[in-house]
């Protein structure tokens, strides 16, 4: 879901914990709504939604995720792309 006002456009993200995952990762951090369907399709029936956040860019979402997990400072090799807001990327329609 995209939440917007005249100042920003925030996109909801969610964190899933999947202890039964057969993949190498048991955590899935993805977009809410149809944009995250592909990622959630790998979750098992025992996956739990553990956290949701709003962010206005990929960089902000990952920065908050790293802080939540206690992993230190998030960095990117593509700051000019990752710091673009979702609105700048043309994400005008709501998620879901």
Protein backbone atom coordinates (compact mmCIF):
# COMPACT_ATOMS: atom_id res chain seq x y z
CA UNK A 1 0.00 0.00 0.00
CA UNK A 2 1.27 3.45 -0.88
CA UNK A 3 0.52 6.11 1.66
CA UNK A 4 0.84 9.61 0.30
CA UNK A 5 0.49 13.20 1.24
CA UNK A 6 1.75 16.35 -0.43
CA UNK A 7 5.20 15.86 1.09
CA UNK A 8 6.06 12.20 0.52
CA UNK A 9 4.95 8.83 -0.79
CA UNK A 10 5.59 5.94 1.59
CA UNK A 11 5.49 2.29 0.64
CA UNK A 12 4.76 -0.48 3.14
CA UNK A 13 7.31 -3.25 3.58
CA UNK A 14 7.02 -6.39 5.69
CA UNK A 15 9.40 -8.82 7.35
CA UNK A 16 8.55 -12.51 7.51
CA UNK A 17 10.23 -15.12 9.70
CA UNK A 18 10.00 -18.61 8.21
CA UNK A 19 11.64 -21.25 10.44
CA UNK A 20 10.65 -24.05 8.03
CA UNK A 21 12.18 -22.44 4.95
CA UNK A 22 14.14 -24.80 2.74
CA UNK A 23 15.93 -21.83 1.18
CA UNK A 24 19.19 -20.53 2.62
CA UNK A 25 17.40 -17.56 4.23
CA UNK A 26 14.67 -17.79 6.81
CA UNK A 27 13.90 -14.05 6.72
CA UNK A 28 11.99 -12.44 3.87
CA UNK A 29 11.80 -8.65 3.63
CA UNK A 30 9.47 -7.57 0.85
CA UNK A 31 6.87 -5.10 -0.32
CA UNK A 32 3.29 -5.36 0.90
CA UNK A 33 0.64 -6.21 -1.67
CA UNK A 34 0.98 -7.64 -5.17
CA UNK A 35 4.53 -6.30 -5.52
CA UNK A 36 5.66 -8.74 -2.80
CA UNK A 37 3.65 -11.75 -3.97
CA UNK A 38 6.64 -13.37 -5.66
CA UNK A 39 8.75 -13.22 -2.50
CA UNK A 40 5.90 -14.41 -0.28
CA UNK A 41 5.20 -17.35 -2.61
CA UNK A 42 8.31 -19.05 -1.18
CA UNK A 43 7.07 -18.83 2.43
CA UNK A 44 5.88 -21.98 4.18
CA UNK A 45 2.62 -22.24 6.13
CA UNK A 46 4.51 -21.60 9.40
CA UNK A 47 5.90 -18.22 8.31
CA UNK A 48 5.05 -15.34 10.61
CA UNK A 49 4.76 -11.67 9.78
CA UNK A 50 6.98 -10.05 12.40
CA UNK A 51 7.42 -6.41 11.39
CA UNK A 52 6.11 -3.77 9.00
CA UNK A 53 7.49 -0.36 8.12
CA UNK A 54 6.80 2.55 5.82
CA UNK A 55 9.62 3.93 3.70
CA UNK A 56 9.81 6.37 0.82
CA UNK A 57 12.77 4.67 -0.91
CA UNK A 58 14.58 1.36 -1.16
CA UNK A 59 17.51 2.89 0.71
CA UNK A 60 15.32 4.04 3.60
CA UNK A 61 13.61 0.64 3.82
CA UNK A 62 16.93 -1.22 3.91
CA UNK A 63 18.43 1.24 6.41
CA UNK A 64 15.49 0.65 8.77
CA UNK A 65 15.68 -3.12 8.19
CA UNK A 66 19.40 -3.24 9.01
CA UNK A 67 18.81 -1.19 12.18
CA UNK A 68 15.92 -3.46 13.19
CA UNK A 69 18.09 -6.55 12.74
CA UNK A 70 21.09 -4.98 14.50
CA UNK A 71 23.30 -5.45 11.44
CA UNK A 72 24.90 -2.01 11.51
CA UNK A 73 24.89 0.61 8.79
CA UNK A 74 23.30 -0.26 5.45
CA UNK A 75 25.40 0.67 2.44
CA UNK A 76 24.78 0.36 -1.27
CA UNK A 77 26.89 0.29 -4.41
CA UNK A 78 24.13 2.21 -6.21
CA UNK A 79 23.22 5.20 -4.00
CA UNK A 80 22.00 7.34 -6.89
CA UNK A 81 19.39 4.67 -7.70
CA UNK A 82 18.59 3.30 -4.25
CA UNK A 83 18.05 6.74 -2.73
CA UNK A 84 15.49 7.76 -5.35
CA UNK A 85 12.09 7.97 -3.72
CA UNK A 86 9.39 5.62 -4.92
CA UNK A 87 7.51 8.70 -6.18
CA UNK A 88 10.56 9.66 -8.27
CA UNK A 89 10.47 6.15 -9.72
CA UNK A 90 6.89 6.71 -10.80
CA UNK A 91 5.20 4.50 -8.26
CA UNK A 92 1.95 6.42 -8.42
CA UNK A 93 -0.58 3.66 -7.93
CA UNK A 94 -1.31 2.16 -4.51
CA UNK A 95 -0.05 -1.27 -3.56
CA UNK A 96 -2.71 -3.88 -3.11
